[in-house]
Amino acid sequence: MLYFTSKMNIDLISQFGKKNIPDIRPGDTVRVFYKITEGSKTRIQAFEGICICVKHGRGLDGSFTLRKISGGVGVEKNFPFHSPLISKFEKIKSRIKTLFYPRFSRQKSQKSQGSKRL
C-alpha cells in the first residue's frame, strides 16, 4: 500500500507541481518572486531572505520559511513550493546551518543594549 501512495504522489507532482524548484536548504539566501493582486492590477514582488526551515519536503504540501530584517523588524514569510502565485525562485548564496537562532539572538542583543542605556 505504501508503494501505491508514493507512486500516486509522484504522479500528482509530475502533473500539478512545478518543474524548476532549486534545492533550497536552511541557511540559504533565497529570492522569491511572487504575484500580488491589488484591486484589478497584478504585479510581481520580490522577497529576499534567509531560509530558516523547510517543511514536508518537496511534495505538493511542502513549504519553506524565509526571514529578513526590514526597518529593524524581523519579517518571516512561509511559501509553498508549488504555489501558482510564485513565478520564480533564485538561490543567491548557500550556507549549511539550521537557522532558528536569528529570531532569538536579535532579541537578546536588543535587551542587553537597552539595559546599558539606563
PDB file of N, CA and C in Angstrom:
ATOM      1  N   MET A   1       0.825  -1.200   0.000  1.00  0.00           N
ATOM      2  CA  MET A   1       0.000   0.000   0.000  1.00  0.00           C
ATOM      3  C   MET A   1       0.865   1.259   0.000  1.00  0.00           C
ATOM      4  N   LEU A   2       2.002   1.213   0.706  1.00  0.00           N
ATOM      5  CA  LEU A   2       2.896   2.357   0.749  1.00  0.00           C
ATOM      6  C   LEU A   2       3.422   2.696  -0.644  1.00  0.00           C
ATOM      7  N   TYR A   3       3.720   1.654  -1.427  1.00  0.00           N
ATOM      8  CA  TYR A   3       4.201   1.887  -2.788  1.00  0.00           C
ATOM      9  C   TYR A   3       3.139   2.601  -3.607  1.00  0.00           C
ATOM     10  N   PHE A   4       1.886   2.217  -3.427  1.00  0.00           N
ATOM     11  CA  PHE A   4       0.801   2.827  -4.182  1.00  0.00           C
ATOM     12  C   PHE A   4       0.686   4.318  -3.874  1.00  0.00           C
ATOM     13  N   THR A   5       0.767   4.702  -2.593  1.00  0.00           N
ATOM     14  CA  THR A   5       0.631   6.118  -2.246  1.00  0.00           C
ATOM     15  C   THR A   5       1.826   6.930  -2.731  1.00  0.00           C
ATOM     16  N   SER A   6       3.038   6.377  -2.640  1.00  0.00           N
ATOM     17  CA  SER A   6       4.189   7.128  -3.120  1.00  0.00           C
ATOM     18  C   SER A   6       4.148   7.255  -4.642  1.00  0.00           C
ATOM     19  N   LYS A   7       3.695   6.219  -5.331  1.00  0.00           N
ATOM     20  CA  LYS A   7       3.552   6.278  -6.783  1.00  0.00           C
ATOM     21  C   LYS A   7       2.501   7.319  -7.159  1.00  0.00           C
ATOM     22  N   MET A   8       1.431   7.387  -6.363  1.00  0.00           N
ATOM     23  CA  MET A   8       0.378   8.358  -6.613  1.00  0.00           C
ATOM     24  C   MET A   8       0.902   9.777  -6.397  1.00  0.00           C
ATOM     25  N   ASN A   9       1.709   9.991  -5.340  1.00  0.00           N
ATOM     26  CA  ASN A   9       2.295  11.309  -5.086  1.00  0.00           C
ATOM     27  C   ASN A   9       3.209  11.738  -6.228  1.00  0.00           C
ATOM     28  N   ILE A  10       4.002  10.818  -6.742  1.00  0.00           N
ATOM     29  CA  ILE A  10       4.904  11.144  -7.846  1.00  0.00           C
ATOM     30  C   ILE A  10       4.099  11.547  -9.076  1.00  0.00           C
ATOM     31  N   ASP A  11       3.005  10.833  -9.334  1.00  0.00           N
ATOM     32  CA  ASP A  11       2.156  11.191 -10.474  1.00  0.00           C
ATOM     33  C   ASP A  11       1.521  12.566 -10.290  1.00  0.00           C
ATOM     34  N   LEU A  12       1.058  12.869  -9.069  1.00  0.00           N
ATOM     35  CA  LEU A  12       0.444  14.169  -8.805  1.00  0.00           C
ATOM     36  C   LEU A  12       1.452  15.308  -8.939  1.00  0.00           C
ATOM     37  N   ILE A  13       2.661  15.095  -8.431  1.00  0.00           N
ATOM     38  CA  ILE A  13       3.694  16.130  -8.529  1.00  0.00           C
ATOM     39  C   ILE A  13       4.071  16.368  -9.987  1.00  0.00           C
ATOM     40  N   SER A  14       4.195  15.288 -10.762  1.00  0.00           N
ATOM     41  CA  SER A  14       4.549  15.476 -12.173  1.00  0.00           C
ATOM     42  C   SER A  14       3.420  16.148 -12.943  1.00  0.00           C
ATOM     43  N   GLN A  15       2.181  15.949 -12.505  1.00  0.00           N
ATOM     44  CA  GLN A  15       1.045  16.546 -13.210  1.00  0.00           C
ATOM     45  C   GLN A  15       0.799  17.993 -12.791  1.00  0.00           C
ATOM     46  N   PHE A  16       0.835  18.283 -11.472  1.00  0.00           N
ATOM     47  CA  PHE A  16       0.449  19.603 -10.974  1.00  0.00           C
ATOM     48  C   PHE A  16       1.610  20.439 -10.434  1.00  0.00           C
ATOM     49  N   GLY A  17       2.740  19.834 -10.151  1.00  0.00           N
ATOM     50  CA  GLY A  17       3.836  20.535  -9.493  1.00  0.00           C
ATOM     51  C   GLY A  17       4.692  21.350 -10.445  1.00  0.00           C
ATOM     52  N   LYS A  18       5.551  22.185  -9.849  1.00  0.00           N
ATOM     53  CA  LYS A  18       6.496  22.994 -10.626  1.00  0.00           C
ATOM     54  C   LYS A  18       7.709  22.147 -10.966  1.00  0.00           C
ATOM     55  N   LYS A  19       8.337  22.492 -12.066  1.00  0.00           N
ATOM     56  CA  LYS A  19       9.493  21.716 -12.538  1.00  0.00           C
ATOM     57  C   LYS A  19      10.820  22.362 -12.154  1.00  0.00           C
ATOM     58  N   ASN A  20      10.839  23.677 -11.902  1.00  0.00           N
ATOM     59  CA  ASN A  20      12.102  24.412 -11.739  1.00  0.00           C
ATOM     60  C   ASN A  20      12.359  24.819 -10.290  1.00  0.00           C
ATOM     61  N   ILE A  21      12.193  23.909  -9.346  1.00  0.00           N
ATOM     62  CA  ILE A  21      12.430  24.238  -7.939  1.00  0.00           C
ATOM     63  C   ILE A  21      13.903  23.982  -7.617  1.00  0.00           C
ATOM     64  N   PRO A  22      14.635  24.995  -7.168  1.00  0.00           N
ATOM     65  CA  PRO A  22      16.033  24.759  -6.791  1.00  0.00           C
ATOM     66  C   PRO A  22      16.115  24.004  -5.469  1.00  0.00           C
ATOM     67  N   ASP A  23      17.280  23.489  -5.175  1.00  0.00           N
ATOM     68  CA  ASP A  23      17.497  22.751  -3.934  1.00  0.00           C
ATOM     69  C   ASP A  23      17.683  23.767  -2.807  1.00  0.00           C
ATOM     70  N   ILE A  24      16.608  24.088  -2.103  1.00  0.00           N
ATOM     71  CA  ILE A  24      16.639  25.078  -1.032  1.00  0.00           C
ATOM     72  C   ILE A  24      16.802  24.353   0.294  1.00  0.00           C
ATOM     73  N   ARG A  25      17.779  24.795   1.075  1.00  0.00           N
ATOM     74  CA  ARG A  25      18.039  24.215   2.392  1.00  0.00           C
ATOM     75  C   ARG A  25      18.108  25.329   3.422  1.00  0.00           C
ATOM     76  N   PRO A  26      17.926  24.999   4.693  1.00  0.00           N
ATOM     77  CA  PRO A  26      18.071  26.027   5.732  1.00  0.00           C
ATOM     78  C   PRO A  26      19.458  26.653   5.691  1.00  0.00           C
ATOM     79  N   GLY A  27      19.498  27.971   5.767  1.00  0.00           N
ATOM     80  CA  GLY A  27      20.753  28.703   5.713  1.00  0.00           C
ATOM     81  C   GLY A  27      21.027  29.332   4.371  1.00  0.00           C
ATOM     82  N   ASP A  28      20.275  28.963   3.340  1.00  0.00           N
ATOM     83  CA  ASP A  28      20.464  29.545   2.013  1.00  0.00           C
ATOM     84  C   ASP A  28      19.785  30.909   1.934  1.00  0.00           C
ATOM     85  N   THR A  29      20.397  31.805   1.189  1.00  0.00           N
ATOM     86  CA  THR A  29      19.763  33.085   0.898  1.00  0.00           C
ATOM     87  C   THR A  29      19.002  32.926  -0.414  1.00  0.00           C
ATOM     88  N   VAL A  30      17.694  33.193  -0.367  1.00  0.00           N
ATOM     89  CA  VAL A  30      16.813  32.915  -1.497  1.00  0.00           C
ATOM     90  C   VAL A  30      16.010  34.171  -1.823  1.00  0.00           C
ATOM     91  N   ARG A  31      15.778  34.401  -3.106  1.00  0.00           N
ATOM     92  CA  ARG A  31      14.895  35.473  -3.561  1.00  0.00           C
ATOM     93  C   ARG A  31      13.710  34.814  -4.265  1.00  0.00           C
ATOM     94  N   VAL A  32      12.507  35.152  -3.806  1.00  0.00           N
ATOM     95  CA  VAL A  32      11.279  34.575  -4.357  1.00  0.00           C
ATOM     96  C   VAL A  32      10.486  35.693  -5.017  1.00  0.00           C
ATOM     97  N   PHE A  33      10.066  35.482  -6.251  1.00  0.00           N
ATOM     98  CA  PHE A  33       9.227  36.424  -6.972  1.00  0.00           C
ATOM     99  C   PHE A  33       7.804  35.882  -6.966  1.00  0.00           C
ATOM    100  N   TYR A  34       6.878  36.621  -6.358  1.00  0.00           N
ATOM    101  CA  TYR A  34       5.504  36.136  -6.259  1.00  0.00           C
ATOM    102  C   TYR A  34       4.534  37.225  -6.702  1.00  0.00           C
ATOM    103  N   LYS A  35       3.373  36.766  -7.162  1.00  0.00           N
ATOM    104  CA  LYS A  35       2.364  37.672  -7.724  1.00  0.00           C
ATOM    105  C   LYS A  35       1.497  38.240  -6.615  1.00  0.00           C
ATOM    106  N   ILE A  36       1.258  39.550  -6.696  1.00  0.00           N
ATOM    107  CA  ILE A  36       0.391  40.238  -5.746  1.00  0.00           C
ATOM    108  C   ILE A  36      -0.725  40.901  -6.549  1.00  0.00           C
ATOM    109  N   THR A  37      -1.959  40.707  -6.095  1.00  0.00           N
ATOM    110  CA  THR A  37      -3.103  41.328  -6.754  1.00  0.00           C
ATOM    111  C   THR A  37      -3.625  42.449  -5.881  1.00  0.00           C
ATOM    112  N   GLU A  38      -3.626  43.649  -6.418  1.00  0.00           N
ATOM    113  CA  GLU A  38      -4.161  44.825  -5.723  1.00  0.00           C
ATOM    114  C   GLU A  38      -5.282  45.394  -6.568  1.00  0.00           C
ATOM    115  N   GLY A  39      -6.499  45.156  -6.159  1.00  0.00           N
ATOM    116  CA  GLY A  39      -7.643  45.595  -6.951  1.00  0.00           C
ATOM    117  C   GLY A  39      -7.724  44.785  -8.233  1.00  0.00           C
ATOM    118  N   SER A  40      -7.609  45.466  -9.355  1.00  0.00           N
ATOM    119  CA  SER A  40      -7.645  44.768 -10.644  1.00  0.00           C
ATOM    120  C   SER A  40      -6.244  44.595 -11.235  1.00  0.00           C
ATOM    121  N   LYS A  41      -5.228  45.144 -10.587  1.00  0.00           N
ATOM    122  CA  LYS A  41      -3.862  45.067 -11.101  1.00  0.00           C
ATOM    123  C   LYS A  41      -3.103  43.913 -10.440  1.00  0.00           C
ATOM    124  N   THR A  42      -2.234  43.302 -11.216  1.00  0.00           N
ATOM    125  CA  THR A  42      -1.378  42.235 -10.713  1.00  0.00           C
ATOM    126  C   THR A  42       0.066  42.620 -10.978  1.00  0.00           C
ATOM    127  N   ARG A  43       0.908  42.469  -9.972  1.00  0.00           N
ATOM    128  CA  ARG A  43       2.331  42.777 -10.148  1.00  0.00           C
ATOM    129  C   ARG A  43       3.152  41.689  -9.485  1.00  0.00           C
ATOM    130  N   ILE A  44       4.429  41.668  -9.779  1.00  0.00           N
ATOM    131  CA  ILE A  44       5.341  40.681  -9.204  1.00  0.00           C
ATOM    132  C   ILE A  44       6.259  41.396  -8.223  1.00  0.00           C
ATOM    133  N   GLN A  45       6.344  40.866  -7.009  1.00  0.00           N
ATOM    134  CA  GLN A  45       7.169  41.454  -5.965  1.00  0.00           C
ATOM    135  C   GLN A  45       8.200  40.422  -5.508  1.00  0.00           C
ATOM    136  N   ALA A  46       9.395  40.883  -5.217  1.00  0.00           N
ATOM    137  CA  ALA A  46      10.468  40.003  -4.764  1.00  0.00           C
ATOM    138  C   ALA A  46      10.562  40.041  -3.247  1.00  0.00           C
ATOM    139  N   PHE A  47      10.845  38.889  -2.650  1.00  0.00           N
ATOM    140  CA  PHE A  47      11.099  38.797  -1.214  1.00  0.00           C
ATOM    141  C   PHE A  47      12.401  38.023  -1.066  1.00  0.00           C
ATOM    142  N   GLU A  48      13.407  38.663  -0.493  1.00  0.00           N
ATOM    143  CA  GLU A  48      14.718  38.031  -0.329  1.00  0.00           C
ATOM    144  C   GLU A  48      14.993  37.855   1.149  1.00  0.00           C
ATOM    145  N   GLY A  49      15.404  36.651   1.537  1.00  0.00           N
ATOM    146  CA  GLY A  49      15.705  36.399   2.928  1.00  0.00           C
ATOM    147  C   GLY A  49      16.457  35.089   3.104  1.00  0.00           C
ATOM    148  N   ILE A  50      16.738  34.781   4.352  1.00  0.00           N
ATOM    149  CA  ILE A  50      17.443  33.550   4.703  1.00  0.00           C
ATOM    150  C   ILE A  50      16.409  32.478   4.998  1.00  0.00           C
ATOM    151  N   CYS A  51      16.585  31.322   4.401  1.00  0.00           N
ATOM    152  CA  CYS A  51      15.684  30.199   4.645  1.00  0.00           C
ATOM    153  C   CYS A  51      15.981  29.647   6.035  1.00  0.00           C
ATOM    154  N   ILE A  52      14.973  29.635   6.910  1.00  0.00           N
ATOM    155  CA  ILE A  52      15.210  29.114   8.251  1.00  0.00           C
ATOM    156  C   ILE A  52      14.653  27.709   8.435  1.00  0.00           C
ATOM    157  N   CYS A  53      13.712  27.284   7.577  1.00  0.00           N
ATOM    158  CA  CYS A  53      13.259  25.895   7.669  1.00  0.00           C
ATOM    159  C   CYS A  53      12.542  25.484   6.392  1.00  0.00           C
ATOM    160  N   VAL A  54      12.588  24.174   6.126  1.00  0.00           N
ATOM    161  CA  VAL A  54      11.872  23.553   5.025  1.00  0.00           C
ATOM    162  C   VAL A  54      10.992  22.486   5.639  1.00  0.00           C
ATOM    163  N   LYS A  55       9.684  22.541   5.355  1.00  0.00           N
ATOM    164  CA  LYS A  55       8.752  21.589   5.959  1.00  0.00           C
ATOM    165  C   LYS A  55       8.106  20.718   4.893  1.00  0.00           C
ATOM    166  N   HIS A  56       7.948  19.470   5.188  1.00  0.00           N
ATOM    167  CA  HIS A  56       7.240  18.479   4.375  1.00  0.00           C
ATOM    168  C   HIS A  56       7.911  18.206   3.034  1.00  0.00           C
ATOM    169  N   GLY A  57       9.192  18.417   2.934  1.00  0.00           N
ATOM    170  CA  GLY A  57       9.938  18.047   1.734  1.00  0.00           C
ATOM    171  C   GLY A  57       9.551  18.837   0.494  1.00  0.00           C
ATOM    172  N   ARG A  58       9.672  18.195  -0.659  1.00  0.00           N
ATOM    173  CA  ARG A  58       9.398  18.850  -1.936  1.00  0.00           C
ATOM    174  C   ARG A  58       8.034  18.456  -2.503  1.00  0.00           C
ATOM    175  N   GLY A  59       7.212  17.801  -1.720  1.00  0.00           N
ATOM    176  CA  GLY A  59       5.910  17.352  -2.200  1.00  0.00           C
ATOM    177  C   GLY A  59       4.961  18.508  -2.443  1.00  0.00           C
ATOM    178  N   LEU A  60       3.718  18.162  -2.804  1.00  0.00           N
ATOM    179  CA  LEU A  60       2.729  19.199  -3.084  1.00  0.00           C
ATOM    180  C   LEU A  60       2.391  20.022  -1.854  1.00  0.00           C
ATOM    181  N   ASP A  61       2.573  19.466  -0.657  1.00  0.00           N
ATOM    182  CA  ASP A  61       2.296  20.217   0.565  1.00  0.00           C
ATOM    183  C   ASP A  61       3.562  20.789   1.190  1.00  0.00           C
ATOM    184  N   GLY A  62       4.702  20.719   0.508  1.00  0.00           N
ATOM    185  CA  GLY A  62       5.961  21.225   1.032  1.00  0.00           C
ATOM    186  C   GLY A  62       6.008  22.741   1.051  1.00  0.00           C
ATOM    187  N   SER A  63       6.697  23.293   2.058  1.00  0.00           N
ATOM    188  CA  SER A  63       6.828  24.743   2.156  1.00  0.00           C
ATOM    189  C   SER A  63       8.164  25.092   2.788  1.00  0.00           C
ATOM    190  N   PHE A  64       8.535  26.363   2.690  1.00  0.00           N
ATOM    191  CA  PHE A  64       9.757  26.848   3.321  1.00  0.00           C
ATOM    192  C   PHE A  64       9.488  28.225   3.895  1.00  0.00           C
ATOM    193  N   THR A  65      10.284  28.594   4.903  1.00  0.00           N
ATOM    194  CA  THR A  65      10.122  29.871   5.596  1.00  0.00           C
ATOM    195  C   THR A  65      11.351  30.730   5.352  1.00  0.00           C
ATOM    196  N   LEU A  66      11.124  31.974   4.937  1.00  0.00           N
ATOM    197  CA  LEU A  66      12.205  32.946   4.748  1.00  0.00           C
ATOM    198  C   LEU A  66      12.094  34.030   5.805  1.00  0.00           C
ATOM    199  N   ARG A  67      13.250  34.517   6.267  1.00  0.00           N
ATOM    200  CA  ARG A  67      13.293  35.580   7.273  1.00  0.00           C
ATOM    201  C   ARG A  67      14.231  36.671   6.796  1.00  0.00           C
ATOM    202  N   LYS A  68      13.794  37.930   6.961  1.00  0.00           N
ATOM    203  CA  LYS A  68      14.657  39.073   6.664  1.00  0.00           C
ATOM    204  C   LYS A  68      14.383  40.157   7.688  1.00  0.00           C
ATOM    205  N   ILE A  69      15.315  41.092   7.802  1.00  0.00           N
ATOM    206  CA  ILE A  69      15.155  42.242   8.684  1.00  0.00           C
ATOM    207  C   ILE A  69      14.781  43.432   7.811  1.00  0.00           C
ATOM    208  N   SER A  70      13.635  44.028   8.065  1.00  0.00           N
ATOM    209  CA  SER A  70      13.164  45.163   7.281  1.00  0.00           C
ATOM    210  C   SER A  70      12.828  46.302   8.229  1.00  0.00           C
ATOM    211  N   GLY A  71      13.604  47.355   8.168  1.00  0.00           N
ATOM    212  CA  GLY A  71      13.370  48.507   9.031  1.00  0.00           C
ATOM    213  C   GLY A  71      13.580  48.197  10.506  1.00  0.00           C
ATOM    214  N   GLY A  72      14.512  47.295  10.813  1.00  0.00           N
ATOM    215  CA  GLY A  72      14.793  46.937  12.193  1.00  0.00           C
ATOM    216  C   GLY A  72      13.821  45.928  12.784  1.00  0.00           C
ATOM    217  N   VAL A  73      12.891  45.429  11.982  1.00  0.00           N
ATOM    218  CA  VAL A  73      11.901  44.467  12.449  1.00  0.00           C
ATOM    219  C   VAL A  73      12.060  43.186  11.650  1.00  0.00           C
ATOM    220  N   GLY A  74      12.065  42.049  12.311  1.00  0.00           N
ATOM    221  CA  GLY A  74      12.165  40.764  11.632  1.00  0.00           C
ATOM    222  C   GLY A  74      10.853  40.396  10.965  1.00  0.00           C
ATOM    223  N   VAL A  75      10.939  39.991   9.692  1.00  0.00           N
ATOM    224  CA  VAL A  75       9.755  39.605   8.929  1.00  0.00           C
ATOM    225  C   VAL A  75       9.956  38.177   8.445  1.00  0.00           C
ATOM    226  N   GLU A  76       8.980  37.311   8.704  1.00  0.00           N
ATOM    227  CA  GLU A  76       9.029  35.930   8.237  1.00  0.00           C
ATOM    228  C   GLU A  76       7.841  35.657   7.339  1.00  0.00           C
ATOM    229  N   LYS A  77       8.089  34.927   6.249  1.00  0.00           N
ATOM    230  CA  LYS A  77       7.012  34.535   5.345  1.00  0.00           C
ATOM    231  C   LYS A  77       7.164  33.067   5.001  1.00  0.00           C
ATOM    232  N   ASN A  78       6.033  32.386   4.938  1.00  0.00           N
ATOM    233  CA  ASN A  78       6.002  30.991   4.519  1.00  0.00           C
ATOM    234  C   ASN A  78       5.559  30.929   3.070  1.00  0.00           C
ATOM    235  N   PHE A  79       6.286  30.144   2.268  1.00  0.00           N
ATOM    236  CA  PHE A  79       5.960  29.984   0.858  1.00  0.00           C
ATOM    237  C   PHE A  79       5.799  28.500   0.545  1.00  0.00           C
ATOM    238  N   PRO A  80       4.677  28.100  -0.078  1.00  0.00           N
ATOM    239  CA  PRO A  80       4.571  26.723  -0.574  1.00  0.00           C
ATOM    240  C   PRO A  80       5.414  26.568  -1.843  1.00  0.00           C
ATOM    241  N   PHE A  81       6.062  25.417  -1.994  1.00  0.00           N
ATOM    242  CA  PHE A  81       6.920  25.197  -3.160  1.00  0.00           C
ATOM    243  C   PHE A  81       6.134  25.254  -4.469  1.00  0.00           C
ATOM    244  N   HIS A  82       4.960  24.665  -4.503  1.00  0.00           N
ATOM    245  CA  HIS A  82       4.222  24.507  -5.754  1.00  0.00           C
ATOM    246  C   HIS A  82       3.077  25.502  -5.898  1.00  0.00           C
ATOM    247  N   SER A  83       3.175  26.657  -5.274  1.00  0.00           N
ATOM    248  CA  SER A  83       2.117  27.660  -5.358  1.00  0.00           C
ATOM    249  C   SER A  83       2.068  28.276  -6.759  1.00  0.00           C
ATOM    250  N   PRO A  84       0.870  28.455  -7.322  1.00  0.00           N
ATOM    251  CA  PRO A  84       0.783  29.110  -8.625  1.00  0.00           C
ATOM    252  C   PRO A  84       1.087  30.607  -8.555  1.00  0.00           C
ATOM    253  N   LEU A  85       1.117  31.187  -7.356  1.00  0.00           N
ATOM    254  CA  LEU A  85       1.427  32.607  -7.210  1.00  0.00           C
ATOM    255  C   LEU A  85       2.922  32.898  -7.286  1.00  0.00           C
ATOM    256  N   ILE A  86       3.762  31.891  -7.125  1.00  0.00           N
ATOM    257  CA  ILE A  86       5.214  32.082  -7.206  1.00  0.00           C
ATOM    258  C   ILE A  86       5.639  31.947  -8.659  1.00  0.00           C
ATOM    259  N   SER A  87       6.263  33.007  -9.189  1.00  0.00           N
ATOM    260  CA  SER A  87       6.679  32.956 -10.588  1.00  0.00           C
ATOM    261  C   SER A  87       8.065  32.346 -10.746  1.00  0.00           C
ATOM    262  N   LYS A  88       9.009  32.654  -9.826  1.00  0.00           N
ATOM    263  CA  LYS A  88      10.329  32.009  -9.909  1.00  0.00           C
ATOM    264  C   LYS A  88      11.073  32.119  -8.587  1.00  0.00           C
ATOM    265  N   PHE A  89      12.075  31.255  -8.439  1.00  0.00           N
ATOM    266  CA  PHE A  89      12.963  31.215  -7.287  1.00  0.00           C
ATOM    267  C   PHE A  89      14.367  31.547  -7.763  1.00  0.00           C
ATOM    268  N   GLU A  90      15.145  32.203  -6.919  1.00  0.00           N
ATOM    269  CA  GLU A  90      16.572  32.393  -7.178  1.00  0.00           C
ATOM    270  C   GLU A  90      17.323  32.055  -5.911  1.00  0.00           C
ATOM    271  N   LYS A  91      18.255  31.135  -6.000  1.00  0.00           N
ATOM    272  CA  LYS A  91      19.115  30.808  -4.874  1.00  0.00           C
ATOM    273  C   LYS A  91      20.374  31.657  -5.017  1.00  0.00           C
ATOM    274  N   ILE A  92      20.574  32.579  -4.082  1.00  0.00           N
ATOM    275  CA  ILE A  92      21.649  33.554  -4.206  1.00  0.00           C
ATOM    276  C   ILE A  92      22.937  33.046  -3.575  1.00  0.00           C
ATOM    277  N   LYS A  93      22.842  32.602  -2.340  1.00  0.00           N
ATOM    278  CA  LYS A  93      24.031  32.177  -1.604  1.00  0.00           C
ATOM    279  C   LYS A  93      23.646  30.982  -0.755  1.00  0.00           C
ATOM    280  N   SER A  94      24.567  30.046  -0.558  1.00  0.00           N
ATOM    281  CA  SER A  94      24.225  28.888   0.260  1.00  0.00           C
ATOM    282  C   SER A  94      25.143  28.801   1.470  1.00  0.00           C
ATOM    283  N   ARG A  95      24.542  28.397   2.564  1.00  0.00           N
ATOM    284  CA  ARG A  95      25.240  28.162   3.819  1.00  0.00           C
ATOM    285  C   ARG A  95      24.654  26.903   4.408  1.00  0.00           C
ATOM    286  N   ILE A  96      25.411  26.153   5.121  1.00  0.00           N
ATOM    287  CA  ILE A  96      24.887  24.908   5.671  1.00  0.00           C
ATOM    288  C   ILE A  96      24.773  25.053   7.181  1.00  0.00           C
ATOM    289  N   LYS A  97      23.584  25.440   7.636  1.00  0.00           N
ATOM    290  CA  LYS A  97      23.245  25.529   9.054  1.00  0.00           C
ATOM    291  C   LYS A  97      21.740  25.529   9.163  1.00  0.00           C
ATOM    292  N   THR A  98      21.223  25.116  10.309  1.00  0.00           N
ATOM    293  CA  THR A  98      19.806  25.281  10.586  1.00  0.00           C
ATOM    294  C   THR A  98      19.663  26.572  11.352  1.00  0.00           C
ATOM    295  N   LEU A  99      18.848  27.472  10.893  1.00  0.00           N
ATOM    296  CA  LEU A  99      18.869  28.832  11.401  1.00  0.00           C
ATOM    297  C   LEU A  99      17.581  29.228  12.108  1.00  0.00           C
ATOM    298  N   PHE A 100      17.351  28.685  13.278  1.00  0.00           N
ATOM    299  CA  PHE A 100      16.264  29.203  14.086  1.00  0.00           C
ATOM    300  C   PHE A 100      16.796  30.260  15.054  1.00  0.00           C
ATOM    301  N   TYR A 101      18.113  30.347  15.235  1.00  0.00           N
ATOM    302  CA  TYR A 101      18.664  31.257  16.226  1.00  0.00           C
ATOM    303  C   TYR A 101      18.557  32.734  15.883  1.00  0.00           C
ATOM    304  N   PRO A 102      18.453  33.192  14.613  1.00  0.00           N
ATOM    305  CA  PRO A 102      18.369  34.649  14.396  1.00  0.00           C
ATOM    306  C   PRO A 102      17.157  35.285  15.065  1.00  0.00           C
ATOM    307  N   ARG A 103      16.106  34.520  15.266  1.00  0.00           N
ATOM    308  CA  ARG A 103      14.928  35.061  15.942  1.00  0.00           C
ATOM    309  C   ARG A 103      15.278  35.516  17.346  1.00  0.00           C
ATOM    310  N   PHE A 104      16.068  34.692  18.052  1.00  0.00           N
ATOM    311  CA  PHE A 104      16.318  34.929  19.466  1.00  0.00           C
ATOM    312  C   PHE A 104      17.566  35.751  19.713  1.00  0.00           C
ATOM    313  N   SER A 105      18.577  35.648  18.870  1.00  0.00           N
ATOM    314  CA  SER A 105      19.809  36.391  19.105  1.00  0.00           C
ATOM    315  C   SER A 105      19.572  37.886  18.963  1.00  0.00           C
ATOM    316  N   ARG A 106      18.706  38.276  18.058  1.00  0.00           N
ATOM    317  CA  ARG A 106      18.396  39.696  17.866  1.00  0.00           C
ATOM    318  C   ARG A 106      17.675  40.249  19.100  1.00  0.00           C
ATOM    319  N   GLN A 107      16.760  39.473  19.654  1.00  0.00           N
ATOM    320  CA  GLN A 107      16.035  39.918  20.840  1.00  0.00           C
ATOM    321  C   GLN A 107      16.978  40.061  22.023  1.00  0.00           C
ATOM    322  N   LYS A 108      17.909  39.117  22.175  1.00  0.00           N
ATOM    323  CA  LYS A 108      18.851  39.177  23.289  1.00  0.00           C
ATOM    324  C   LYS A 108      19.758  40.403  23.170  1.00  0.00           C
ATOM    325  N   SER A 109      20.212  40.705  21.938  1.00  0.00           N
ATOM    326  CA  SER A 109      21.098  41.851  21.779  1.00  0.00           C
ATOM    327  C   SER A 109      20.349  43.158  22.056  1.00  0.00           C
ATOM    328  N   GLN A 110      19.083  43.229  21.710  1.00  0.00           N
ATOM    329  CA  GLN A 110      18.303  44.429  21.990  1.00  0.00           C
ATOM    330  C   GLN A 110      18.083  44.593  23.488  1.00  0.00           C
ATOM    331  N   LYS A 111      17.865  43.495  24.196  1.00  0.00           N
ATOM    332  CA  LYS A 111      17.665  43.569  25.641  1.00  0.00           C
ATOM    333  C   LYS A 111      18.944  44.039  26.334  1.00  0.00           C
ATOM    334  N   SER A 112      20.093  43.515  25.904  1.00  0.00           N
ATOM    335  CA  SER A 112      21.346  43.901  26.548  1.00  0.00           C
ATOM    336  C   SER A 112      21.691  45.363  26.236  1.00  0.00           C
ATOM    337  N   GLN A 113      21.392  45.835  25.037  1.00  0.00           N
ATOM    338  CA  GLN A 113      21.645  47.232  24.702  1.00  0.00           C
ATOM    339  C   GLN A 113      20.719  48.154  25.498  1.00  0.00           C
ATOM    340  N   GLY A 114      19.494  47.716  25.726  1.00  0.00           N
ATOM    341  CA  GLY A 114      18.548  48.528  26.470  1.00  0.00           C
ATOM    342  C   GLY A 114      18.964  48.697  27.920  1.00  0.00           C
ATOM    343  N   SER A 115      19.557  47.657  28.516  1.00  0.00           N
ATOM    344  CA  SER A 115      19.977  47.763  29.905  1.00  0.00           C
ATOM    345  C   SER A 115      21.208  48.666  30.060  1.00  0.00           C
ATOM    346  N   LYS A 116      22.060  48.744  29.030  1.00  0.00           N
ATOM    347  CA  LYS A 116      23.251  49.591  29.090  1.00  0.00           C
ATOM    348  C   LYS A 116      22.886  51.065  28.994  1.00  0.00           C
ATOM    349  N   ARG A 117      21.799  51.377  28.312  1.00  0.00           N
ATOM    350  CA  ARG A 117      21.415  52.774  28.129  1.00  0.00           C
ATOM    351  C   ARG A 117      20.853  53.401  29.392  1.00  0.00           C
ATOM    352  N   LEU A 118      20.335  52.591  30.298  1.00  0.00           N
ATOM    353  CA  LEU A 118      19.732  53.148  31.515  1.00  0.00           C
ATOM    354  C   LEU A 118      20.718  53.691  32.459  1.00  0.00           C
TER     355      LEU A 118
END
